[in-house]
């Protein structure tokens, strides 16, 4: 496709809203997934640390 101006490039032959909207939605979802995975990883690490600490203190005699 040949564009005569930058505005024609953004318009994408009348499909600009669909094209750029698709790119925007994909980028937003990829950003959300990165955030979600980081949160899940932090939660999993916290859970493992808590379980290890509980297992370590469970075997001790506190008399």
PDB file of N, CA and C in Angstrom:
ATOM      1  N   UNK A   1       0.843  -1.171   0.000  1.00  0.00           N
ATOM      2  CA  UNK A   1       0.000   0.000   0.000  1.00  0.00           C
ATOM      3  C   UNK A   1       0.888   1.234   0.000  1.00  0.00           C
ATOM      4  N   UNK A   2       0.548   2.226  -0.758  1.00  0.00           N
ATOM      5  CA  UNK A   2       1.324   3.453  -0.857  1.00  0.00           C
ATOM      6  C   UNK A   2       0.546   4.574  -0.172  1.00  0.00           C
ATOM      7  N   UNK A   3       1.226   5.270   0.727  1.00  0.00           N
ATOM      8  CA  UNK A   3       0.606   6.381   1.435  1.00  0.00           C
ATOM      9  C   UNK A   3       1.215   7.679   0.928  1.00  0.00           C
ATOM     10  N   UNK A   4       0.381   8.655   0.661  1.00  0.00           N
ATOM     11  CA  UNK A   4       0.839   9.950   0.175  1.00  0.00           C
ATOM     12  C   UNK A   4       1.213  10.894   1.302  1.00  0.00           C
ATOM     13  N   UNK A   5       0.761  10.603   2.499  1.00  0.00           N
ATOM     14  CA  UNK A   5       1.073  11.448   3.650  1.00  0.00           C
ATOM     15  C   UNK A   5       1.018  10.602   4.918  1.00  0.00           C
ATOM     16  N   UNK A   6       1.482  11.216   5.984  1.00  0.00           N
ATOM     17  CA  UNK A   6       1.438  10.539   7.266  1.00  0.00           C
ATOM     18  C   UNK A   6      -0.001  10.309   7.716  1.00  0.00           C
ATOM     19  N   UNK A   7      -0.888  11.232   7.385  1.00  0.00           N
ATOM     20  CA  UNK A   7      -2.309  11.087   7.731  1.00  0.00           C
ATOM     21  C   UNK A   7      -2.914   9.885   7.011  1.00  0.00           C
ATOM     22  N   UNK A   8      -2.502   9.656   5.749  1.00  0.00           N
ATOM     23  CA  UNK A   8      -2.969   8.473   5.020  1.00  0.00           C
ATOM     24  C   UNK A   8      -2.469   7.197   5.678  1.00  0.00           C
ATOM     25  N   UNK A   9      -1.235   7.249   6.182  1.00  0.00           N
ATOM     26  CA  UNK A   9      -0.694   6.082   6.893  1.00  0.00           C
ATOM     27  C   UNK A   9      -1.545   5.768   8.113  1.00  0.00           C
ATOM     28  N   UNK A  10      -1.877   6.774   8.919  1.00  0.00           N
ATOM     29  CA  UNK A  10      -2.698   6.565  10.114  1.00  0.00           C
ATOM     30  C   UNK A  10      -4.109   6.118   9.756  1.00  0.00           C
ATOM     31  N   UNK A  11      -4.629   6.597   8.619  1.00  0.00           N
ATOM     32  CA  UNK A  11      -5.990   6.235   8.209  1.00  0.00           C
ATOM     33  C   UNK A  11      -6.051   4.799   7.693  1.00  0.00           C
ATOM     34  N   UNK A  12      -4.938   4.285   7.192  1.00  0.00           N
ATOM     35  CA  UNK A  12      -4.834   2.900   6.692  1.00  0.00           C
ATOM     36  C   UNK A  12      -5.943   2.570   5.699  1.00  0.00           C
ATOM     37  N   UNK A  13      -6.186   3.454   4.789  1.00  0.00           N
ATOM     38  CA  UNK A  13      -7.189   3.193   3.759  1.00  0.00           C
ATOM     39  C   UNK A  13      -8.601   3.069   4.304  1.00  0.00           C
ATOM     40  N   UNK A  14      -8.877   3.735   5.402  1.00  0.00           N
ATOM     41  CA  UNK A  14     -10.203   3.690   6.007  1.00  0.00           C
ATOM     42  C   UNK A  14     -10.328   2.666   7.122  1.00  0.00           C
ATOM     43  N   UNK A  15      -9.268   1.871   7.322  1.00  0.00           N
ATOM     44  CA  UNK A  15      -9.294   0.833   8.363  1.00  0.00           C
ATOM     45  C   UNK A  15      -8.410   1.185   9.554  1.00  0.00           C
ATOM     46  N   UNK A  16      -8.019   2.435   9.653  1.00  0.00           N
ATOM     47  CA  UNK A  16      -7.099   2.865  10.703  1.00  0.00           C
ATOM     48  C   UNK A  16      -7.610   2.597  12.099  1.00  0.00           C
ATOM     49  N   UNK A  17      -8.879   2.875  12.344  1.00  0.00           N
ATOM     50  CA  UNK A  17      -9.436   2.658  13.679  1.00  0.00           C
ATOM     51  C   UNK A  17      -9.336   1.179  14.065  1.00  0.00           C
ATOM     52  N   UNK A  18      -9.646   0.302  13.133  1.00  0.00           N
ATOM     53  CA  UNK A  18      -9.560  -1.137  13.402  1.00  0.00           C
ATOM     54  C   UNK A  18      -8.112  -1.562  13.602  1.00  0.00           C
ATOM     55  N   UNK A  19      -7.236  -1.125  12.702  1.00  0.00           N
ATOM     56  CA  UNK A  19      -5.827  -1.541  12.765  1.00  0.00           C
ATOM     57  C   UNK A  19      -5.167  -1.036  14.041  1.00  0.00           C
ATOM     58  N   UNK A  20      -5.251   0.272  14.280  1.00  0.00           N
ATOM     59  CA  UNK A  20      -4.579   0.829  15.446  1.00  0.00           C
ATOM     60  C   UNK A  20      -5.286   0.451  16.744  1.00  0.00           C
ATOM     61  N   UNK A  21      -6.580   0.259  16.690  1.00  0.00           N
ATOM     62  CA  UNK A  21      -7.285  -0.235  17.866  1.00  0.00           C
ATOM     63  C   UNK A  21      -6.850  -1.642  18.237  1.00  0.00           C
ATOM     64  N   UNK A  22      -6.639  -2.466  17.214  1.00  0.00           N
ATOM     65  CA  UNK A  22      -6.162  -3.831  17.459  1.00  0.00           C
ATOM     66  C   UNK A  22      -4.764  -3.822  18.054  1.00  0.00           C
ATOM     67  N   UNK A  23      -3.890  -2.992  17.503  1.00  0.00           N
ATOM     68  CA  UNK A  23      -2.541  -2.877  18.059  1.00  0.00           C
ATOM     69  C   UNK A  23      -2.599  -2.372  19.496  1.00  0.00           C
ATOM     70  N   UNK A  24      -3.425  -1.375  19.756  1.00  0.00           N
ATOM     71  CA  UNK A  24      -3.542  -0.830  21.098  1.00  0.00           C
ATOM     72  C   UNK A  24      -4.083  -1.834  22.098  1.00  0.00           C
ATOM     73  N   UNK A  25      -5.123  -2.562  21.695  1.00  0.00           N
ATOM     74  CA  UNK A  25      -5.686  -3.577  22.597  1.00  0.00           C
ATOM     75  C   UNK A  25      -4.678  -4.679  22.889  1.00  0.00           C
ATOM     76  N   UNK A  26      -3.954  -5.100  21.865  1.00  0.00           N
ATOM     77  CA  UNK A  26      -2.938  -6.142  22.052  1.00  0.00           C
ATOM     78  C   UNK A  26      -1.839  -5.661  22.988  1.00  0.00           C
ATOM     79  N   UNK A  27      -1.355  -4.441  22.783  1.00  0.00           N
ATOM     80  CA  UNK A  27      -0.308  -3.894  23.644  1.00  0.00           C
ATOM     81  C   UNK A  27      -0.796  -3.766  25.091  1.00  0.00           C
ATOM     82  N   UNK A  28      -2.039  -3.313  25.266  1.00  0.00           N
ATOM     83  CA  UNK A  28      -2.590  -3.175  26.619  1.00  0.00           C
ATOM     84  C   UNK A  28      -2.713  -4.530  27.307  1.00  0.00           C
ATOM     85  N   UNK A  29      -3.182  -5.526  26.591  1.00  0.00           N
ATOM     86  CA  UNK A  29      -3.322  -6.857  27.183  1.00  0.00           C
ATOM     87  C   UNK A  29      -1.971  -7.481  27.494  1.00  0.00           C
ATOM     88  N   UNK A  30      -0.990  -7.252  26.639  1.00  0.00           N
ATOM     89  CA  UNK A  30       0.350  -7.769  26.922  1.00  0.00           C
ATOM     90  C   UNK A  30       0.937  -7.090  28.158  1.00  0.00           C
ATOM     91  N   UNK A  31       0.709  -5.793  28.297  1.00  0.00           N
ATOM     92  CA  UNK A  31       1.160  -5.081  29.488  1.00  0.00           C
ATOM     93  C   UNK A  31       0.473  -5.591  30.741  1.00  0.00           C
ATOM     94  N   UNK A  32      -0.836  -5.829  30.650  1.00  0.00           N
ATOM     95  CA  UNK A  32      -1.578  -6.377  31.789  1.00  0.00           C
ATOM     96  C   UNK A  32      -1.066  -7.763  32.165  1.00  0.00           C
ATOM     97  N   UNK A  33      -0.759  -8.588  31.163  1.00  0.00           N
ATOM     98  CA  UNK A  33      -0.268  -9.938  31.450  1.00  0.00           C
ATOM     99  C   UNK A  33       1.074  -9.899  32.165  1.00  0.00           C
ATOM    100  N   UNK A  34       1.953  -8.984  31.764  1.00  0.00           N
ATOM    101  CA  UNK A  34       3.241  -8.851  32.447  1.00  0.00           C
ATOM    102  C   UNK A  34       3.017  -8.468  33.906  1.00  0.00           C
ATOM    103  N   UNK A  35       2.138  -7.503  34.142  1.00  0.00           N
ATOM    104  CA  UNK A  35       1.811  -7.094  35.508  1.00  0.00           C
ATOM    105  C   UNK A  35       1.235  -8.257  36.305  1.00  0.00           C
ATOM    106  N   UNK A  36       0.313  -9.000  35.697  1.00  0.00           N
ATOM    107  CA  UNK A  36      -0.358 -10.115  36.365  1.00  0.00           C
ATOM    108  C   UNK A  36       0.633 -11.220  36.724  1.00  0.00           C
ATOM    109  N   UNK A  37       1.547 -11.544  35.806  1.00  0.00           N
ATOM    110  CA  UNK A  37       2.540 -12.591  36.060  1.00  0.00           C
ATOM    111  C   UNK A  37       3.484 -12.171  37.176  1.00  0.00           C
ATOM    112  N   UNK A  38       3.890 -10.909  37.205  1.00  0.00           N
ATOM    113  CA  UNK A  38       4.761 -10.435  38.280  1.00  0.00           C
ATOM    114  C   UNK A  38       4.066 -10.532  39.629  1.00  0.00           C
ATOM    115  N   UNK A  39       2.797 -10.182  39.671  1.00  0.00           N
ATOM    116  CA  UNK A  39       2.033 -10.273  40.921  1.00  0.00           C
ATOM    117  C   UNK A  39       1.897 -11.730  41.368  1.00  0.00           C
ATOM    118  N   UNK A  40       1.595 -12.608  40.428  1.00  0.00           N
ATOM    119  CA  UNK A  40       1.428 -14.026  40.767  1.00  0.00           C
ATOM    120  C   UNK A  40       2.748 -14.625  41.246  1.00  0.00           C
ATOM    121  N   UNK A  41       3.853 -14.229  40.616  1.00  0.00           N
ATOM    122  CA  UNK A  41       5.170 -14.729  41.024  1.00  0.00           C
ATOM    123  C   UNK A  41       5.499 -14.266  42.441  1.00  0.00           C
ATOM    124  N   UNK A  42       5.257 -12.994  42.736  1.00  0.00           N
ATOM    125  CA  UNK A  42       5.525 -12.468  44.075  1.00  0.00           C
ATOM    126  C   UNK A  42       4.671 -13.185  45.115  1.00  0.00           C
ATOM    127  N   UNK A  43       3.426 -13.449  44.775  1.00  0.00           N
ATOM    128  CA  UNK A  43       2.540 -14.146  45.705  1.00  0.00           C
ATOM    129  C   UNK A  43       3.013 -15.583  45.934  1.00  0.00           C
ATOM    130  N   UNK A  44       3.461 -16.244  44.880  1.00  0.00           N
ATOM    131  CA  UNK A  44       3.947 -17.621  45.016  1.00  0.00           C
ATOM    132  C   UNK A  44       5.207 -17.673  45.866  1.00  0.00           C
ATOM    133  N   UNK A  45       6.110 -16.725  45.665  1.00  0.00           N
ATOM    134  CA  UNK A  45       7.336 -16.691  46.459  1.00  0.00           C
ATOM    135  C   UNK A  45       7.012 -16.442  47.930  1.00  0.00           C
ATOM    136  N   UNK A  46       6.096 -15.522  48.196  1.00  0.00           N
ATOM    137  CA  UNK A  46       5.682 -15.249  49.570  1.00  0.00           C
ATOM    138  C   UNK A  46       5.071 -16.486  50.210  1.00  0.00           C
ATOM    139  N   UNK A  47       4.258 -17.196  49.468  1.00  0.00           N
ATOM    140  CA  UNK A  47       3.628 -18.403  49.994  1.00  0.00           C
ATOM    141  C   UNK A  47       4.673 -19.472  50.322  1.00  0.00           C
ATOM    142  N   UNK A  48       5.646 -19.647  49.446  1.00  0.00           N
ATOM    143  CA  UNK A  48       6.698 -20.648  49.697  1.00  0.00           C
ATOM    144  C   UNK A  48       7.517 -20.260  50.921  1.00  0.00           C
ATOM    145  N   UNK A  49       7.876 -18.994  51.033  1.00  0.00           N
ATOM    146  CA  UNK A  49       8.649 -18.534  52.193  1.00  0.00           C
ATOM    147  C   UNK A  49       7.854 -18.760  53.475  1.00  0.00           C
ATOM    148  N   UNK A  50       6.573 -18.440  53.476  1.00  0.00           N
ATOM    149  CA  UNK A  50       5.737 -18.642  54.669  1.00  0.00           C
ATOM    150  C   UNK A  50       5.610 -20.120  55.023  1.00  0.00           C
ATOM    151  N   UNK A  51       5.463 -20.963  54.015  1.00  0.00           N
ATOM    152  CA  UNK A  51       5.349 -22.402  54.281  1.00  0.00           C
ATOM    153  C   UNK A  51       6.657 -22.969  54.817  1.00  0.00           C
ATOM    154  N   UNK A  52       7.775 -22.514  54.284  1.00  0.00           N
ATOM    155  CA  UNK A  52       9.067 -22.973  54.801  1.00  0.00           C
ATOM    156  C   UNK A  52       9.278 -22.510  56.237  1.00  0.00           C
ATOM    157  N   UNK A  53       8.909 -21.279  56.532  1.00  0.00           N
ATOM    158  CA  UNK A  53       9.038 -20.767  57.898  1.00  0.00           C
ATOM    159  C   UNK A  53       8.129 -21.538  58.848  1.00  0.00           C
ATOM    160  N   UNK A  54       6.921 -21.842  58.421  1.00  0.00           N
ATOM    161  CA  UNK A  54       5.997 -22.600  59.266  1.00  0.00           C
ATOM    162  C   UNK A  54       6.511 -24.011  59.498  1.00  0.00           C
ATOM    163  N   UNK A  55       7.073 -24.622  58.482  1.00  0.00           N
ATOM    164  CA  UNK A  55       7.601 -25.982  58.627  1.00  0.00           C
ATOM    165  C   UNK A  55       8.810 -25.982  59.550  1.00  0.00           C
ATOM    166  N   UNK A  56       9.607 -24.924  59.492  1.00  0.00           N
ATOM    167  CA  UNK A  56      10.789 -24.845  60.350  1.00  0.00           C
ATOM    168  C   UNK A  56      10.407 -24.650  61.806  1.00  0.00           C
ATOM    169  N   UNK A  57       9.424 -23.824  62.085  1.00  0.00           N
ATOM    170  CA  UNK A  57       9.026 -23.565  63.473  1.00  0.00           C
ATOM    171  C   UNK A  57       8.131 -24.667  64.022  1.00  0.00           C
ATOM    172  N   UNK A  58       7.513 -25.438  63.146  1.00  0.00           N
ATOM    173  CA  UNK A  58       6.615 -26.496  63.606  1.00  0.00           C
ATOM    174  C   UNK A  58       7.382 -27.589  64.344  1.00  0.00           C
ATOM    175  N   UNK A  59       8.582 -27.867  63.949  1.00  0.00           N
ATOM    176  CA  UNK A  59       9.365 -28.935  64.573  1.00  0.00           C
ATOM    177  C   UNK A  59      10.057 -28.526  65.847  1.00  0.00           C
ATOM    178  N   UNK A  60      10.027 -27.264  66.231  1.00  0.00           N
ATOM    179  CA  UNK A  60      10.731 -26.794  67.429  1.00  0.00           C
ATOM    180  C   UNK A  60       9.866 -26.948  68.663  1.00  0.00           C
ATOM    181  N   UNK A  61      10.515 -27.209  69.782  1.00  0.00           N
ATOM    182  CA  UNK A  61       9.824 -27.326  71.063  1.00  0.00           C
ATOM    183  C   UNK A  61       9.914 -25.982  71.780  1.00  0.00           C
ATOM    184  N   UNK A  62       8.767 -25.365  72.099  1.00  0.00           N
ATOM    185  CA  UNK A  62       8.763 -24.020  72.666  1.00  0.00           C
ATOM    186  C   UNK A  62       8.521 -24.026  74.187  1.00  0.00           C
ATOM    187  N   UNK A  63       8.852 -25.056  74.900  1.00  0.00           N
ATOM    188  CA  UNK A  63       8.623 -25.122  76.357  1.00  0.00           C
ATOM    189  C   UNK A  63       9.564 -24.250  77.073  1.00  0.00           C
TER     190      UNK A  63
END
